[in-house]
């Protein structure tokens, strides 16, 4: 964890360099605000208002899955917790296995299998992660059309 924390500023800067606007960015922002209103994550704030050396950003992107009855695309947000910056001193990303090992996901292990029997318990756990661990999500604008 210390190694990940020391690399926050560099990792965040590299991630932010890759972000770009997409046609679903407005929908993604609204979905993120709705998730925050339900207590699933913190409310989005301008990146300039955040100390990028004290948190580690993970990209969020939109996936289109079908259409609403009125023909608008159904957009689903996806959080990419396996994203990791290239190793320090390089510009090339590593293979998927090595990249995951260096991501937040690759550095964490649960001591036991988590199961949930009720949605309320799952929401309570998400609120705990948000409030106690200060999980922060950043919306990105990559897109993927899935059938």
C-alpha atoms as a PDB file:
ATOM      1  CA  UNK A   1       0.000   0.000   0.000  1.00  0.00           C
ATOM      2  CA  UNK A   2       2.838   2.389   0.775  1.00  0.00           C
ATOM      3  CA  UNK A   3       4.269   1.882  -2.704  1.00  0.00           C
ATOM      4  CA  UNK A   4       0.882   2.623  -4.312  1.00  0.00           C
ATOM      5  CA  UNK A   5       0.409   5.701  -2.121  1.00  0.00           C
ATOM      6  CA  UNK A   6       3.878   7.094  -2.971  1.00  0.00           C
ATOM      7  CA  UNK A   7       3.073   6.787  -6.691  1.00  0.00           C
ATOM      8  CA  UNK A   8      -0.368   8.473  -6.572  1.00  0.00           C
ATOM      9  CA  UNK A   9       0.624  11.814  -8.099  1.00  0.00           C
ATOM     10  CA  UNK A  10       2.527  10.258 -11.029  1.00  0.00           C
ATOM     11  CA  UNK A  11      -0.152   7.650 -11.705  1.00  0.00           C
ATOM     12  CA  UNK A  12      -2.926  10.239 -11.584  1.00  0.00           C
ATOM     13  CA  UNK A  13      -1.062  12.608 -13.914  1.00  0.00           C
ATOM     14  CA  UNK A  14      -0.564   9.833 -16.467  1.00  0.00           C
ATOM     15  CA  UNK A  15      -4.219   8.810 -16.262  1.00  0.00           C
ATOM     16  CA  UNK A  16      -5.452  12.384 -16.663  1.00  0.00           C
ATOM     17  CA  UNK A  17      -3.255  12.823 -19.778  1.00  0.00           C
ATOM     18  CA  UNK A  18      -5.160   9.954 -21.432  1.00  0.00           C
ATOM     19  CA  UNK A  19      -8.673  11.265 -20.833  1.00  0.00           C
ATOM     20  CA  UNK A  20     -10.725  12.762 -23.642  1.00  0.00           C
ATOM     21  CA  UNK A  21     -14.331  13.772 -24.280  1.00  0.00           C
ATOM     22  CA  UNK A  22     -16.763  11.261 -25.777  1.00  0.00           C
ATOM     23  CA  UNK A  23     -20.343  11.443 -26.934  1.00  0.00           C
ATOM     24  CA  UNK A  24     -21.566   9.789 -23.688  1.00  0.00           C
ATOM     25  CA  UNK A  25     -19.684  11.977 -21.200  1.00  0.00           C
ATOM     26  CA  UNK A  26     -22.800  13.952 -20.173  1.00  0.00           C
ATOM     27  CA  UNK A  27     -24.752  10.744 -19.482  1.00  0.00           C
ATOM     28  CA  UNK A  28     -21.795   9.294 -17.575  1.00  0.00           C
ATOM     29  CA  UNK A  29     -21.571  12.389 -15.376  1.00  0.00           C
ATOM     30  CA  UNK A  30     -25.306  12.234 -14.623  1.00  0.00           C
ATOM     31  CA  UNK A  31     -25.061   8.514 -13.762  1.00  0.00           C
ATOM     32  CA  UNK A  32     -22.105   9.272 -11.487  1.00  0.00           C
ATOM     33  CA  UNK A  33     -24.051  12.039  -9.726  1.00  0.00           C
ATOM     34  CA  UNK A  34     -27.001   9.652  -9.308  1.00  0.00           C
ATOM     35  CA  UNK A  35     -24.700   7.011  -7.773  1.00  0.00           C
ATOM     36  CA  UNK A  36     -23.306   9.659  -5.412  1.00  0.00           C
ATOM     37  CA  UNK A  37     -26.811  10.791  -4.420  1.00  0.00           C
ATOM     38  CA  UNK A  38     -27.567   7.181  -3.476  1.00  0.00           C
ATOM     39  CA  UNK A  39     -24.415   7.066  -1.312  1.00  0.00           C
ATOM     40  CA  UNK A  40     -22.517   4.657  -3.585  1.00  0.00           C
ATOM     41  CA  UNK A  41     -19.595   7.054  -4.108  1.00  0.00           C
ATOM     42  CA  UNK A  42     -18.525  10.616  -3.449  1.00  0.00           C
ATOM     43  CA  UNK A  43     -20.004  13.458  -5.480  1.00  0.00           C
ATOM     44  CA  UNK A  44     -17.823  14.298  -8.503  1.00  0.00           C
ATOM     45  CA  UNK A  45     -15.684  17.422  -8.127  1.00  0.00           C
ATOM     46  CA  UNK A  46     -13.332  19.229 -10.508  1.00  0.00           C
ATOM     47  CA  UNK A  47      -9.947  17.501 -10.558  1.00  0.00           C
ATOM     48  CA  UNK A  48      -8.320  20.869  -9.768  1.00  0.00           C
ATOM     49  CA  UNK A  49     -10.011  20.756  -6.337  1.00  0.00           C
ATOM     50  CA  UNK A  50      -8.357  17.441  -5.359  1.00  0.00           C
ATOM     51  CA  UNK A  51      -4.902  16.759  -3.874  1.00  0.00           C
ATOM     52  CA  UNK A  52      -3.740  14.241  -6.474  1.00  0.00           C
ATOM     53  CA  UNK A  53      -0.885  13.076  -4.256  1.00  0.00           C
ATOM     54  CA  UNK A  54      -3.258  11.855  -1.542  1.00  0.00           C
ATOM     55  CA  UNK A  55      -5.683   9.721  -3.574  1.00  0.00           C
ATOM     56  CA  UNK A  56      -5.429   7.239  -6.429  1.00  0.00           C
ATOM     57  CA  UNK A  57      -7.812   7.761  -9.332  1.00  0.00           C
ATOM     58  CA  UNK A  58      -9.414   4.918 -11.254  1.00  0.00           C
ATOM     59  CA  UNK A  59     -11.000   5.568 -14.644  1.00  0.00           C
ATOM     60  CA  UNK A  60     -14.757   5.275 -15.192  1.00  0.00           C
ATOM     61  CA  UNK A  61     -16.106   4.911 -18.701  1.00  0.00           C
ATOM     62  CA  UNK A  62     -19.439   4.448 -20.444  1.00  0.00           C
ATOM     63  CA  UNK A  63     -20.618   1.224 -22.044  1.00  0.00           C
ATOM     64  CA  UNK A  64     -23.674   1.300 -24.305  1.00  0.00           C
ATOM     65  CA  UNK A  65     -25.985  -1.662 -23.758  1.00  0.00           C
ATOM     66  CA  UNK A  66     -29.057  -1.490 -25.935  1.00  0.00           C
ATOM     67  CA  UNK A  67     -31.592   1.304 -26.217  1.00  0.00           C
ATOM     68  CA  UNK A  68     -34.346   2.875 -24.141  1.00  0.00           C
ATOM     69  CA  UNK A  69     -37.894   2.656 -25.528  1.00  0.00           C
ATOM     70  CA  UNK A  70     -37.517   6.159 -26.972  1.00  0.00           C
ATOM     71  CA  UNK A  71     -34.405   5.103 -28.928  1.00  0.00           C
ATOM     72  CA  UNK A  72     -31.791   6.734 -26.670  1.00  0.00           C
ATOM     73  CA  UNK A  73     -28.811   4.493 -25.903  1.00  0.00           C
ATOM     74  CA  UNK A  74     -28.708   2.779 -22.498  1.00  0.00           C
ATOM     75  CA  UNK A  75     -25.434   3.856 -20.945  1.00  0.00           C
ATOM     76  CA  UNK A  76     -23.847   1.913 -18.062  1.00  0.00           C
ATOM     77  CA  UNK A  77     -20.863   3.209 -16.092  1.00  0.00           C
ATOM     78  CA  UNK A  78     -17.876   0.888 -15.666  1.00  0.00           C
ATOM     79  CA  UNK A  79     -15.119   1.484 -13.099  1.00  0.00           C
ATOM     80  CA  UNK A  80     -11.721   0.205 -14.254  1.00  0.00           C
ATOM     81  CA  UNK A  81      -9.912  -0.603 -10.999  1.00  0.00           C
ATOM     82  CA  UNK A  82      -7.312  -2.707 -12.834  1.00  0.00           C
ATOM     83  CA  UNK A  83      -5.910   0.352 -14.625  1.00  0.00           C
ATOM     84  CA  UNK A  84      -2.314   1.094 -13.693  1.00  0.00           C
ATOM     85  CA  UNK A  85       0.300   3.497 -14.946  1.00  0.00           C
ATOM     86  CA  UNK A  86       3.385   2.218 -16.763  1.00  0.00           C
ATOM     87  CA  UNK A  87       6.317   1.521 -14.443  1.00  0.00           C
ATOM     88  CA  UNK A  88       8.291   4.580 -13.411  1.00  0.00           C
ATOM     89  CA  UNK A  89      10.935   5.497 -15.986  1.00  0.00           C
ATOM     90  CA  UNK A  90       9.055   3.874 -18.885  1.00  0.00           C
ATOM     91  CA  UNK A  91       6.375   5.030 -21.255  1.00  0.00           C
ATOM     92  CA  UNK A  92       5.096   1.629 -22.340  1.00  0.00           C
ATOM     93  CA  UNK A  93       2.358  -0.214 -20.498  1.00  0.00           C
ATOM     94  CA  UNK A  94       2.990  -3.748 -19.338  1.00  0.00           C
ATOM     95  CA  UNK A  95       1.121  -6.900 -20.310  1.00  0.00           C
ATOM     96  CA  UNK A  96      -2.309  -7.476 -18.755  1.00  0.00           C
ATOM     97  CA  UNK A  97      -1.099  -9.855 -16.017  1.00  0.00           C
ATOM     98  CA  UNK A  98       1.726  -7.556 -14.870  1.00  0.00           C
ATOM     99  CA  UNK A  99      -0.482  -4.475 -15.214  1.00  0.00           C
ATOM    100  CA  UNK A 100      -3.118  -6.017 -12.939  1.00  0.00           C
ATOM    101  CA  UNK A 101      -0.462  -6.949 -10.360  1.00  0.00           C
ATOM    102  CA  UNK A 102       0.555  -3.279 -10.225  1.00  0.00           C
ATOM    103  CA  UNK A 103      -3.015  -1.979 -10.022  1.00  0.00           C
ATOM    104  CA  UNK A 104      -5.045  -1.381  -6.882  1.00  0.00           C
ATOM    105  CA  UNK A 105      -6.882  -4.664  -7.577  1.00  0.00           C
ATOM    106  CA  UNK A 106      -3.616  -6.559  -7.864  1.00  0.00           C
ATOM    107  CA  UNK A 107      -2.392  -5.306  -4.492  1.00  0.00           C
ATOM    108  CA  UNK A 108      -5.410  -6.325  -2.481  1.00  0.00           C
ATOM    109  CA  UNK A 109      -6.586  -9.723  -1.344  1.00  0.00           C
ATOM    110  CA  UNK A 110      -9.636 -10.580   0.683  1.00  0.00           C
ATOM    111  CA  UNK A 111      -8.940 -12.968   3.558  1.00  0.00           C
ATOM    112  CA  UNK A 112     -12.261 -14.660   2.905  1.00  0.00           C
ATOM    113  CA  UNK A 113     -14.848 -14.838   0.168  1.00  0.00           C
ATOM    114  CA  UNK A 114     -17.449 -12.092   0.380  1.00  0.00           C
ATOM    115  CA  UNK A 115     -21.029 -13.017  -0.326  1.00  0.00           C
ATOM    116  CA  UNK A 116     -24.116 -10.920   0.026  1.00  0.00           C
ATOM    117  CA  UNK A 117     -27.584 -12.191   0.721  1.00  0.00           C
ATOM    118  CA  UNK A 118     -29.375  -8.874   0.568  1.00  0.00           C
ATOM    119  CA  UNK A 119     -28.894  -5.773  -1.545  1.00  0.00           C
ATOM    120  CA  UNK A 120     -29.053  -3.696   1.675  1.00  0.00           C
ATOM    121  CA  UNK A 121     -25.899  -5.417   2.938  1.00  0.00           C
ATOM    122  CA  UNK A 122     -24.132  -4.741  -0.366  1.00  0.00           C
ATOM    123  CA  UNK A 123     -25.079  -1.048  -0.203  1.00  0.00           C
ATOM    124  CA  UNK A 124     -23.905  -0.836   3.413  1.00  0.00           C
ATOM    125  CA  UNK A 125     -20.535  -2.267   2.364  1.00  0.00           C
ATOM    126  CA  UNK A 126     -20.270   0.215  -0.528  1.00  0.00           C
ATOM    127  CA  UNK A 127     -21.037   3.076   1.890  1.00  0.00           C
ATOM    128  CA  UNK A 128     -18.351   1.808   4.265  1.00  0.00           C
ATOM    129  CA  UNK A 129     -15.793   1.761   1.435  1.00  0.00           C
ATOM    130  CA  UNK A 130     -16.827   5.243   0.365  1.00  0.00           C
ATOM    131  CA  UNK A 131     -16.916   6.830   3.818  1.00  0.00           C
ATOM    132  CA  UNK A 132     -14.108   5.028   5.633  1.00  0.00           C
ATOM    133  CA  UNK A 133     -11.620   4.382   2.827  1.00  0.00           C
ATOM    134  CA  UNK A 134     -12.448   7.559   0.912  1.00  0.00           C
ATOM    135  CA  UNK A 135     -12.797   5.753  -2.421  1.00  0.00           C
ATOM    136  CA  UNK A 136     -12.828   8.346  -5.211  1.00  0.00           C
ATOM    137  CA  UNK A 137     -14.026   7.693  -8.740  1.00  0.00           C
ATOM    138  CA  UNK A 138     -13.113   9.702 -11.801  1.00  0.00           C
ATOM    139  CA  UNK A 139     -15.302   9.550 -14.868  1.00  0.00           C
ATOM    140  CA  UNK A 140     -13.551   8.997 -18.158  1.00  0.00           C
ATOM    141  CA  UNK A 141     -15.031   9.186 -21.559  1.00  0.00           C
ATOM    142  CA  UNK A 142     -13.922   5.995 -23.296  1.00  0.00           C
ATOM    143  CA  UNK A 143     -16.771   4.241 -24.998  1.00  0.00           C
ATOM    144  CA  UNK A 144     -17.671   0.692 -25.817  1.00  0.00           C
ATOM    145  CA  UNK A 145     -20.716  -0.556 -27.679  1.00  0.00           C
ATOM    146  CA  UNK A 146     -21.870  -3.908 -26.402  1.00  0.00           C
ATOM    147  CA  UNK A 147     -24.691  -5.916 -27.912  1.00  0.00           C
END
